[in-house]
Amino acid sequence: MAMKGICRAQVVISGRVQGVGFRYALRSRASSLGVSGWVRNRLDGNVEAAFEGPREHVELLLRWCRQGPSVAYVDEVEVAWQEPESEHGFAIR
């Protein structure tokens, strides 16, 4: 992709992923990996996020999303690769 191995993934996580601290755990994990982006709850009960950073770090974060925090239950993680948008920091929206 663009800028020296920087990639962007748009992600939708479905399952029991709201009301279980998913967004806060995800922000903490993303920060520890140096991945930028955002996460938000959707009205349909899913969690949507965008991750931007080195490919290997984004892949690690995607792997984490397939488990989530201990009280979450993840059914599916849909990933769409996109062009990076120069995100800085990781926000809960």
PDB file of N, CA and C in Angstrom:
ATOM      1  N   MET A   1       0.843  -1.185   0.000  1.00  0.00           N
ATOM      2  CA  MET A   1       0.000   0.000   0.000  1.00  0.00           C
ATOM      3  C   MET A   1       0.887   1.247   0.000  1.00  0.00           C
ATOM      4  N   ALA A   2       0.385   2.330   0.537  1.00  0.00           N
ATOM      5  CA  ALA A   2       1.118   3.602   0.472  1.00  0.00           C
ATOM      6  C   ALA A   2       2.223   3.659   1.526  1.00  0.00           C
ATOM      7  N   MET A   3       2.646   4.863   1.839  1.00  0.00           N
ATOM      8  CA  MET A   3       3.660   5.242   2.815  1.00  0.00           C
ATOM      9  C   MET A   3       4.380   4.111   3.557  1.00  0.00           C
ATOM     10  N   LYS A   4       5.467   3.641   3.007  1.00  0.00           N
ATOM     11  CA  LYS A   4       6.369   2.706   3.687  1.00  0.00           C
ATOM     12  C   LYS A   4       5.684   1.643   4.538  1.00  0.00           C
ATOM     13  N   GLY A   5       4.874   0.828   3.933  1.00  0.00           N
ATOM     14  CA  GLY A   5       4.281  -0.282   4.669  1.00  0.00           C
ATOM     15  C   GLY A   5       3.120   0.093   5.570  1.00  0.00           C
ATOM     16  N   ILE A   6       2.664   1.348   5.486  1.00  0.00           N
ATOM     17  CA  ILE A   6       1.502   1.758   6.280  1.00  0.00           C
ATOM     18  C   ILE A   6       0.244   1.314   5.533  1.00  0.00           C
ATOM     19  N   CYS A   7      -0.670   0.686   6.261  1.00  0.00           N
ATOM     20  CA  CYS A   7      -1.914   0.245   5.634  1.00  0.00           C
ATOM     21  C   CYS A   7      -3.087   0.666   6.505  1.00  0.00           C
ATOM     22  N   ARG A   8      -4.276   0.527   5.940  1.00  0.00           N
ATOM     23  CA  ARG A   8      -5.503   0.898   6.645  1.00  0.00           C
ATOM     24  C   ARG A   8      -6.524  -0.212   6.465  1.00  0.00           C
ATOM     25  N   ALA A   9      -7.151  -0.586   7.556  1.00  0.00           N
ATOM     26  CA  ALA A   9      -8.213  -1.586   7.519  1.00  0.00           C
ATOM     27  C   ALA A   9      -9.479  -0.990   8.117  1.00  0.00           C
ATOM     28  N   GLN A  10     -10.578  -1.096   7.379  1.00  0.00           N
ATOM     29  CA  GLN A  10     -11.894  -0.724   7.893  1.00  0.00           C
ATOM     30  C   GLN A  10     -12.525  -2.029   8.380  1.00  0.00           C
ATOM     31  N   VAL A  11     -13.011  -2.047   9.620  1.00  0.00           N
ATOM     32  CA  VAL A  11     -13.384  -3.296  10.268  1.00  0.00           C
ATOM     33  C   VAL A  11     -14.782  -3.200  10.868  1.00  0.00           C
ATOM     34  N   VAL A  12     -15.568  -4.268  10.730  1.00  0.00           N
ATOM     35  CA  VAL A  12     -16.845  -4.393  11.427  1.00  0.00           C
ATOM     36  C   VAL A  12     -16.798  -5.696  12.222  1.00  0.00           C
ATOM     37  N   ILE A  13     -17.003  -5.578  13.528  1.00  0.00           N
ATOM     38  CA  ILE A  13     -16.935  -6.719  14.436  1.00  0.00           C
ATOM     39  C   ILE A  13     -18.344  -7.003  14.931  1.00  0.00           C
ATOM     40  N   SER A  14     -18.795  -8.246  14.741  1.00  0.00           N
ATOM     41  CA  SER A  14     -20.145  -8.600  15.174  1.00  0.00           C
ATOM     42  C   SER A  14     -20.095  -9.683  16.243  1.00  0.00           C
ATOM     43  N   GLY A  15     -21.164  -9.753  17.029  1.00  0.00           N
ATOM     44  CA  GLY A  15     -21.240 -10.685  18.152  1.00  0.00           C
ATOM     45  C   GLY A  15     -21.699  -9.926  19.382  1.00  0.00           C
ATOM     46  N   ARG A  16     -21.334 -10.431  20.568  1.00  0.00           N
ATOM     47  CA  ARG A  16     -21.625  -9.691  21.801  1.00  0.00           C
ATOM     48  C   ARG A  16     -20.438  -8.763  22.042  1.00  0.00           C
ATOM     49  N   VAL A  17     -20.487  -7.596  21.406  1.00  0.00           N
ATOM     50  CA  VAL A  17     -19.331  -6.701  21.392  1.00  0.00           C
ATOM     51  C   VAL A  17     -19.652  -5.306  21.928  1.00  0.00           C
ATOM     52  N   GLN A  18     -20.908  -5.073  22.326  1.00  0.00           N
ATOM     53  CA  GLN A  18     -21.256  -3.803  22.972  1.00  0.00           C
ATOM     54  C   GLN A  18     -21.589  -4.077  24.432  1.00  0.00           C
ATOM     55  N   GLY A  19     -21.229  -3.118  25.302  1.00  0.00           N
ATOM     56  CA  GLY A  19     -21.514  -3.263  26.727  1.00  0.00           C
ATOM     57  C   GLY A  19     -20.543  -4.196  27.439  1.00  0.00           C
ATOM     58  N   VAL A  20     -19.434  -4.516  26.774  1.00  0.00           N
ATOM     59  CA  VAL A  20     -18.452  -5.439  27.365  1.00  0.00           C
ATOM     60  C   VAL A  20     -17.058  -4.812  27.423  1.00  0.00           C
ATOM     61  N   GLY A  21     -16.973  -3.498  27.212  1.00  0.00           N
ATOM     62  CA  GLY A  21     -15.682  -2.810  27.266  1.00  0.00           C
ATOM     63  C   GLY A  21     -14.834  -3.006  26.025  1.00  0.00           C
ATOM     64  N   PHE A  22     -15.461  -3.417  24.926  1.00  0.00           N
ATOM     65  CA  PHE A  22     -14.703  -3.728  23.703  1.00  0.00           C
ATOM     66  C   PHE A  22     -13.934  -2.520  23.183  1.00  0.00           C
ATOM     67  N   ARG A  23     -14.619  -1.373  23.091  1.00  0.00           N
ATOM     68  CA  ARG A  23     -13.959  -0.184  22.518  1.00  0.00           C
ATOM     69  C   ARG A  23     -12.773   0.262  23.353  1.00  0.00           C
ATOM     70  N   TYR A  24     -12.917   0.215  24.676  1.00  0.00           N
ATOM     71  CA  TYR A  24     -11.830   0.673  25.550  1.00  0.00           C
ATOM     72  C   TYR A  24     -10.651  -0.284  25.513  1.00  0.00           C
ATOM     73  N   ALA A  25     -10.940  -1.576  25.504  1.00  0.00           N
ATOM     74  CA  ALA A  25      -9.874  -2.573  25.400  1.00  0.00           C
ATOM     75  C   ALA A  25      -9.174  -2.466  24.048  1.00  0.00           C
ATOM     76  N   LEU A  26      -9.961  -2.213  23.002  1.00  0.00           N
ATOM     77  CA  LEU A  26      -9.396  -2.069  21.657  1.00  0.00           C
ATOM     78  C   LEU A  26      -8.498  -0.845  21.573  1.00  0.00           C
ATOM     79  N   ARG A  27      -8.938   0.269  22.138  1.00  0.00           N
ATOM     80  CA  ARG A  27      -8.103   1.478  22.118  1.00  0.00           C
ATOM     81  C   ARG A  27      -6.785   1.232  22.849  1.00  0.00           C
ATOM     82  N   SER A  28      -6.846   0.553  23.988  1.00  0.00           N
ATOM     83  CA  SER A  28      -5.638   0.247  24.750  1.00  0.00           C
ATOM     84  C   SER A  28      -4.688  -0.637  23.946  1.00  0.00           C
ATOM     85  N   ARG A  29      -5.247  -1.665  23.308  1.00  0.00           N
ATOM     86  CA  ARG A  29      -4.440  -2.581  22.501  1.00  0.00           C
ATOM     87  C   ARG A  29      -3.830  -1.860  21.304  1.00  0.00           C
ATOM     88  N   ALA A  30      -4.634  -1.036  20.629  1.00  0.00           N
ATOM     89  CA  ALA A  30      -4.138  -0.282  19.471  1.00  0.00           C
ATOM     90  C   ALA A  30      -3.003   0.644  19.874  1.00  0.00           C
ATOM     91  N   SER A  31      -3.172   1.328  21.006  1.00  0.00           N
ATOM     92  CA  SER A  31      -2.132   2.246  21.479  1.00  0.00           C
ATOM     93  C   SER A  31      -0.842   1.493  21.782  1.00  0.00           C
ATOM     94  N   SER A  32      -0.953   0.323  22.388  1.00  0.00           N
ATOM     95  CA  SER A  32       0.247  -0.448  22.721  1.00  0.00           C
ATOM     96  C   SER A  32       0.963  -0.942  21.469  1.00  0.00           C
ATOM     97  N   LEU A  33       0.219  -1.098  20.368  1.00  0.00           N
ATOM     98  CA  LEU A  33       0.817  -1.530  19.099  1.00  0.00           C
ATOM     99  C   LEU A  33       1.237  -0.360  18.205  1.00  0.00           C
ATOM    100  N   GLY A  34       0.911   0.863  18.621  1.00  0.00           N
ATOM    101  CA  GLY A  34       1.235   2.022  17.794  1.00  0.00           C
ATOM    102  C   GLY A  34       0.353   2.139  16.561  1.00  0.00           C
ATOM    103  N   VAL A  35      -0.883   1.638  16.665  1.00  0.00           N
ATOM    104  CA  VAL A  35      -1.829   1.714  15.553  1.00  0.00           C
ATOM    105  C   VAL A  35      -2.776   2.888  15.791  1.00  0.00           C
ATOM    106  N   SER A  36      -2.974   3.704  14.769  1.00  0.00           N
ATOM    107  CA  SER A  36      -3.882   4.849  14.842  1.00  0.00           C
ATOM    108  C   SER A  36      -5.253   4.447  14.321  1.00  0.00           C
ATOM    109  N   GLY A  37      -6.245   5.315  14.560  1.00  0.00           N
ATOM    110  CA  GLY A  37      -7.571   5.076  14.016  1.00  0.00           C
ATOM    111  C   GLY A  37      -8.671   5.450  14.981  1.00  0.00           C
ATOM    112  N   TRP A  38      -9.779   4.722  14.906  1.00  0.00           N
ATOM    113  CA  TRP A  38     -10.945   5.013  15.741  1.00  0.00           C
ATOM    114  C   TRP A  38     -11.803   3.770  15.869  1.00  0.00           C
ATOM    115  N   VAL A  39     -12.710   3.813  16.855  1.00  0.00           N
ATOM    116  CA  VAL A  39     -13.674   2.730  17.063  1.00  0.00           C
ATOM    117  C   VAL A  39     -14.977   3.337  17.551  1.00  0.00           C
ATOM    118  N   ARG A  40     -16.100   2.747  17.148  1.00  0.00           N
ATOM    119  CA  ARG A  40     -17.407   3.239  17.603  1.00  0.00           C
ATOM    120  C   ARG A  40     -18.418   2.099  17.610  1.00  0.00           C
ATOM    121  N   ASN A  41     -19.426   2.250  18.463  1.00  0.00           N
ATOM    122  CA  ASN A  41     -20.570   1.335  18.455  1.00  0.00           C
ATOM    123  C   ASN A  41     -21.487   1.736  17.315  1.00  0.00           C
ATOM    124  N   ARG A  42     -22.098   0.740  16.669  1.00  0.00           N
ATOM    125  CA  ARG A  42     -23.094   1.008  15.642  1.00  0.00           C
ATOM    126  C   ARG A  42     -24.481   0.683  16.185  1.00  0.00           C
ATOM    127  N   LEU A  43     -25.483   1.299  15.586  1.00  0.00           N
ATOM    128  CA  LEU A  43     -26.867   1.080  16.027  1.00  0.00           C
ATOM    129  C   LEU A  43     -27.303  -0.372  15.862  1.00  0.00           C
ATOM    130  N   ASP A  44     -26.683  -1.107  14.932  1.00  0.00           N
ATOM    131  CA  ASP A  44     -27.055  -2.509  14.688  1.00  0.00           C
ATOM    132  C   ASP A  44     -26.446  -3.474  15.707  1.00  0.00           C
ATOM    133  N   GLY A  45     -25.730  -2.931  16.709  1.00  0.00           N
ATOM    134  CA  GLY A  45     -25.148  -3.785  17.746  1.00  0.00           C
ATOM    135  C   GLY A  45     -23.722  -4.217  17.458  1.00  0.00           C
ATOM    136  N   ASN A  46     -23.220  -3.886  16.285  1.00  0.00           N
ATOM    137  CA  ASN A  46     -21.844  -4.212  15.939  1.00  0.00           C
ATOM    138  C   ASN A  46     -20.906  -3.090  16.359  1.00  0.00           C
ATOM    139  N   VAL A  47     -19.615  -3.360  16.286  1.00  0.00           N
ATOM    140  CA  VAL A  47     -18.587  -2.351  16.534  1.00  0.00           C
ATOM    141  C   VAL A  47     -17.868  -2.127  15.215  1.00  0.00           C
ATOM    142  N   GLU A  48     -17.659  -0.863  14.870  1.00  0.00           N
ATOM    143  CA  GLU A  48     -16.946  -0.500  13.643  1.00  0.00           C
ATOM    144  C   GLU A  48     -15.662   0.205  14.026  1.00  0.00           C
ATOM    145  N   ALA A  49     -14.604  -0.036  13.259  1.00  0.00           N
ATOM    146  CA  ALA A  49     -13.322   0.590  13.575  1.00  0.00           C
ATOM    147  C   ALA A  49     -12.503   0.779  12.307  1.00  0.00           C
ATOM    148  N   ALA A  50     -11.515   1.650  12.412  1.00  0.00           N
ATOM    149  CA  ALA A  50     -10.518   1.824  11.354  1.00  0.00           C
ATOM    150  C   ALA A  50      -9.154   1.773  12.011  1.00  0.00           C
ATOM    151  N   PHE A  51      -8.261   0.989  11.427  1.00  0.00           N
ATOM    152  CA  PHE A  51      -6.899   0.837  11.949  1.00  0.00           C
ATOM    153  C   PHE A  51      -5.917   1.291  10.887  1.00  0.00           C
ATOM    154  N   GLU A  52      -4.915   2.048  11.311  1.00  0.00           N
ATOM    155  CA  GLU A  52      -3.900   2.505  10.379  1.00  0.00           C
ATOM    156  C   GLU A  52      -2.536   2.406  11.040  1.00  0.00           C
ATOM    157  N   GLY A  53      -1.616   1.759  10.344  1.00  0.00           N
ATOM    158  CA  GLY A  53      -0.270   1.607  10.879  1.00  0.00           C
ATOM    159  C   GLY A  53       0.504   0.594  10.068  1.00  0.00           C
ATOM    160  N   PRO A  54       1.660   0.164  10.579  1.00  0.00           N
ATOM    161  CA  PRO A  54       2.439  -0.855   9.891  1.00  0.00           C
ATOM    162  C   PRO A  54       1.609  -2.131   9.725  1.00  0.00           C
ATOM    163  N   ARG A  55       1.705  -2.759   8.569  1.00  0.00           N
ATOM    164  CA  ARG A  55       0.877  -3.922   8.241  1.00  0.00           C
ATOM    165  C   ARG A  55       0.902  -4.979   9.344  1.00  0.00           C
ATOM    166  N   GLU A  56       2.105  -5.292   9.865  1.00  0.00           N
ATOM    167  CA  GLU A  56       2.195  -6.358  10.866  1.00  0.00           C
ATOM    168  C   GLU A  56       1.468  -5.982  12.164  1.00  0.00           C
ATOM    169  N   HIS A  57       1.458  -4.705  12.509  1.00  0.00           N
ATOM    170  CA  HIS A  57       0.759  -4.255  13.718  1.00  0.00           C
ATOM    171  C   HIS A  57      -0.755  -4.271  13.515  1.00  0.00           C
ATOM    172  N   VAL A  58      -1.194  -3.863  12.321  1.00  0.00           N
ATOM    173  CA  VAL A  58      -2.621  -3.916  12.004  1.00  0.00           C
ATOM    174  C   VAL A  58      -3.097  -5.373  12.030  1.00  0.00           C
ATOM    175  N   GLU A  59      -2.286  -6.285  11.484  1.00  0.00           N
ATOM    176  CA  GLU A  59      -2.640  -7.709  11.493  1.00  0.00           C
ATOM    177  C   GLU A  59      -2.758  -8.247  12.926  1.00  0.00           C
ATOM    178  N   LEU A  60      -1.854  -7.834  13.812  1.00  0.00           N
ATOM    179  CA  LEU A  60      -1.925  -8.253  15.218  1.00  0.00           C
ATOM    180  C   LEU A  60      -3.203  -7.741  15.870  1.00  0.00           C
ATOM    181  N   LEU A  61      -3.577  -6.507  15.555  1.00  0.00           N
ATOM    182  CA  LEU A  61      -4.798  -5.929  16.119  1.00  0.00           C
ATOM    183  C   LEU A  61      -6.035  -6.658  15.585  1.00  0.00           C
ATOM    184  N   LEU A  62      -6.013  -7.011  14.309  1.00  0.00           N
ATOM    185  CA  LEU A  62      -7.119  -7.780  13.736  1.00  0.00           C
ATOM    186  C   LEU A  62      -7.237  -9.140  14.422  1.00  0.00           C
ATOM    187  N   ARG A  63      -6.117  -9.770  14.702  1.00  0.00           N
ATOM    188  CA  ARG A  63      -6.127 -11.054  15.395  1.00  0.00           C
ATOM    189  C   ARG A  63      -6.738 -10.890  16.790  1.00  0.00           C
ATOM    190  N   TRP A  64      -6.370  -9.807  17.480  1.00  0.00           N
ATOM    191  CA  TRP A  64      -6.942  -9.529  18.803  1.00  0.00           C
ATOM    192  C   TRP A  64      -8.465  -9.363  18.701  1.00  0.00           C
ATOM    193  N   CYS A  65      -8.930  -8.676  17.646  1.00  0.00           N
ATOM    194  CA  CYS A  65     -10.368  -8.424  17.469  1.00  0.00           C
ATOM    195  C   CYS A  65     -11.168  -9.715  17.338  1.00  0.00           C
ATOM    196  N   ARG A  66     -10.549 -10.763  16.847  1.00  0.00           N
ATOM    197  CA  ARG A  66     -11.276 -12.033  16.678  1.00  0.00           C
ATOM    198  C   ARG A  66     -11.575 -12.685  18.028  1.00  0.00           C
ATOM    199  N   GLN A  67     -10.885 -12.236  19.094  1.00  0.00           N
ATOM    200  CA  GLN A  67     -11.141 -12.695  20.464  1.00  0.00           C
ATOM    201  C   GLN A  67     -11.848 -11.616  21.274  1.00  0.00           C
ATOM    202  N   GLY A  68     -11.270 -10.404  21.235  1.00  0.00           N
ATOM    203  CA  GLY A  68     -11.806  -9.296  22.014  1.00  0.00           C
ATOM    204  C   GLY A  68     -11.485  -9.460  23.483  1.00  0.00           C
ATOM    205  N   PRO A  69     -12.047  -8.589  24.323  1.00  0.00           N
ATOM    206  CA  PRO A  69     -11.846  -8.718  25.768  1.00  0.00           C
ATOM    207  C   PRO A  69     -12.545  -9.984  26.272  1.00  0.00           C
ATOM    208  N   SER A  70     -12.201 -10.400  27.468  1.00  0.00           N
ATOM    209  CA  SER A  70     -12.647 -11.708  27.967  1.00  0.00           C
ATOM    210  C   SER A  70     -14.156 -11.896  28.010  1.00  0.00           C
ATOM    211  N   VAL A  71     -14.928 -10.828  28.230  1.00  0.00           N
ATOM    212  CA  VAL A  71     -16.387 -10.971  28.336  1.00  0.00           C
ATOM    213  C   VAL A  71     -17.115 -10.810  27.001  1.00  0.00           C
ATOM    214  N   ALA A  72     -16.371 -10.518  25.939  1.00  0.00           N
ATOM    215  CA  ALA A  72     -16.983 -10.375  24.610  1.00  0.00           C
ATOM    216  C   ALA A  72     -17.100 -11.747  23.948  1.00  0.00           C
ATOM    217  N   TYR A  73     -18.008 -11.821  22.977  1.00  0.00           N
ATOM    218  CA  TYR A  73     -18.095 -13.007  22.132  1.00  0.00           C
ATOM    219  C   TYR A  73     -18.153 -12.525  20.690  1.00  0.00           C
ATOM    220  N   VAL A  74     -17.113 -12.826  19.926  1.00  0.00           N
ATOM    221  CA  VAL A  74     -17.011 -12.332  18.556  1.00  0.00           C
ATOM    222  C   VAL A  74     -17.482 -13.404  17.585  1.00  0.00           C
ATOM    223  N   ASP A  75     -18.489 -13.051  16.777  1.00  0.00           N
ATOM    224  CA  ASP A  75     -18.979 -13.955  15.732  1.00  0.00           C
ATOM    225  C   ASP A  75     -18.161 -13.803  14.457  1.00  0.00           C
ATOM    226  N   GLU A  76     -17.912 -12.558  14.070  1.00  0.00           N
ATOM    227  CA  GLU A  76     -17.273 -12.313  12.781  1.00  0.00           C
ATOM    228  C   GLU A  76     -16.510 -10.996  12.802  1.00  0.00           C
ATOM    229  N   VAL A  77     -15.408 -10.951  12.041  1.00  0.00           N
ATOM    230  CA  VAL A  77     -14.660  -9.722  11.824  1.00  0.00           C
ATOM    231  C   VAL A  77     -14.546  -9.533  10.314  1.00  0.00           C
ATOM    232  N   GLU A  78     -15.217  -8.515   9.799  1.00  0.00           N
ATOM    233  CA  GLU A  78     -15.140  -8.192   8.369  1.00  0.00           C
ATOM    234  C   GLU A  78     -14.079  -7.120   8.189  1.00  0.00           C
ATOM    235  N   VAL A  79     -13.205  -7.319   7.214  1.00  0.00           N
ATOM    236  CA  VAL A  79     -12.108  -6.390   6.973  1.00  0.00           C
ATOM    237  C   VAL A  79     -12.131  -5.913   5.531  1.00  0.00           C
ATOM    238  N   ALA A  80     -12.033  -4.602   5.339  1.00  0.00           N
ATOM    239  CA  ALA A  80     -11.889  -4.013   4.009  1.00  0.00           C
ATOM    240  C   ALA A  80     -10.614  -3.174   4.023  1.00  0.00           C
ATOM    241  N   TRP A  81      -9.663  -3.510   3.161  1.00  0.00           N
ATOM    242  CA  TRP A  81      -8.402  -2.756   3.087  1.00  0.00           C
ATOM    243  C   TRP A  81      -8.615  -1.501   2.271  1.00  0.00           C
ATOM    244  N   GLN A  82      -8.047  -0.389   2.756  1.00  0.00           N
ATOM    245  CA  GLN A  82      -8.226   0.915   2.111  1.00  0.00           C
ATOM    246  C   GLN A  82      -6.902   1.646   2.041  1.00  0.00           C
ATOM    247  N   GLU A  83      -6.913   2.770   1.335  1.00  0.00           N
ATOM    248  CA  GLU A  83      -5.735   3.635   1.310  1.00  0.00           C
ATOM    249  C   GLU A  83      -5.630   4.361   2.656  1.00  0.00           C
ATOM    250  N   PRO A  84      -4.416   4.494   3.199  1.00  0.00           N
ATOM    251  CA  PRO A  84      -4.235   5.215   4.467  1.00  0.00           C
ATOM    252  C   PRO A  84      -4.717   6.664   4.371  1.00  0.00           C
ATOM    253  N   GLU A  85      -5.200   7.188   5.502  1.00  0.00           N
ATOM    254  CA  GLU A  85      -5.715   8.565   5.558  1.00  0.00           C
ATOM    255  C   GLU A  85      -4.938   9.427   6.551  1.00  0.00           C
ATOM    256  N   SER A  86      -3.752   8.973   6.939  1.00  0.00           N
ATOM    257  CA  SER A  86      -2.895   9.716   7.880  1.00  0.00           C
ATOM    258  C   SER A  86      -3.568   9.978   9.217  1.00  0.00           C
ATOM    259  N   GLU A  87      -4.147   8.935   9.788  1.00  0.00           N
ATOM    260  CA  GLU A  87      -4.764   9.037  11.125  1.00  0.00           C
ATOM    261  C   GLU A  87      -3.658   9.271  12.161  1.00  0.00           C
ATOM    262  N   HIS A  88      -4.013   9.994  13.218  1.00  0.00           N
ATOM    263  CA  HIS A  88      -3.084  10.188  14.344  1.00  0.00           C
ATOM    264  C   HIS A  88      -3.829   9.899  15.628  1.00  0.00           C
ATOM    265  N   GLY A  89      -3.256   9.052  16.468  1.00  0.00           N
ATOM    266  CA  GLY A  89      -3.904   8.693  17.717  1.00  0.00           C
ATOM    267  C   GLY A  89      -5.021   7.695  17.477  1.00  0.00           C
ATOM    268  N   PHE A  90      -5.683   7.283  18.565  1.00  0.00           N
ATOM    269  CA  PHE A  90      -6.784   6.322  18.449  1.00  0.00           C
ATOM    270  C   PHE A  90      -7.950   6.826  19.267  1.00  0.00           C
ATOM    271  N   ALA A  91      -9.073   7.072  18.603  1.00  0.00           N
ATOM    272  CA  ALA A  91     -10.232   7.708  19.243  1.00  0.00           C
ATOM    273  C   ALA A  91     -11.387   6.742  19.417  1.00  0.00           C
ATOM    274  N   ILE A  92     -12.120   6.935  20.501  1.00  0.00           N
ATOM    275  CA  ILE A  92     -13.406   6.268  20.663  1.00  0.00           C
ATOM    276  C   ILE A  92     -14.452   7.284  20.238  1.00  0.00           C
ATOM    277  N   ARG A  93     -15.243   6.934  19.239  1.00  0.00           N
ATOM    278  CA  ARG A  93     -16.239   7.877  18.706  1.00  0.00           C
ATOM    279  C   ARG A  93     -17.613   7.579  19.241  1.00  0.00           C
TER     280      ARG A  93
END
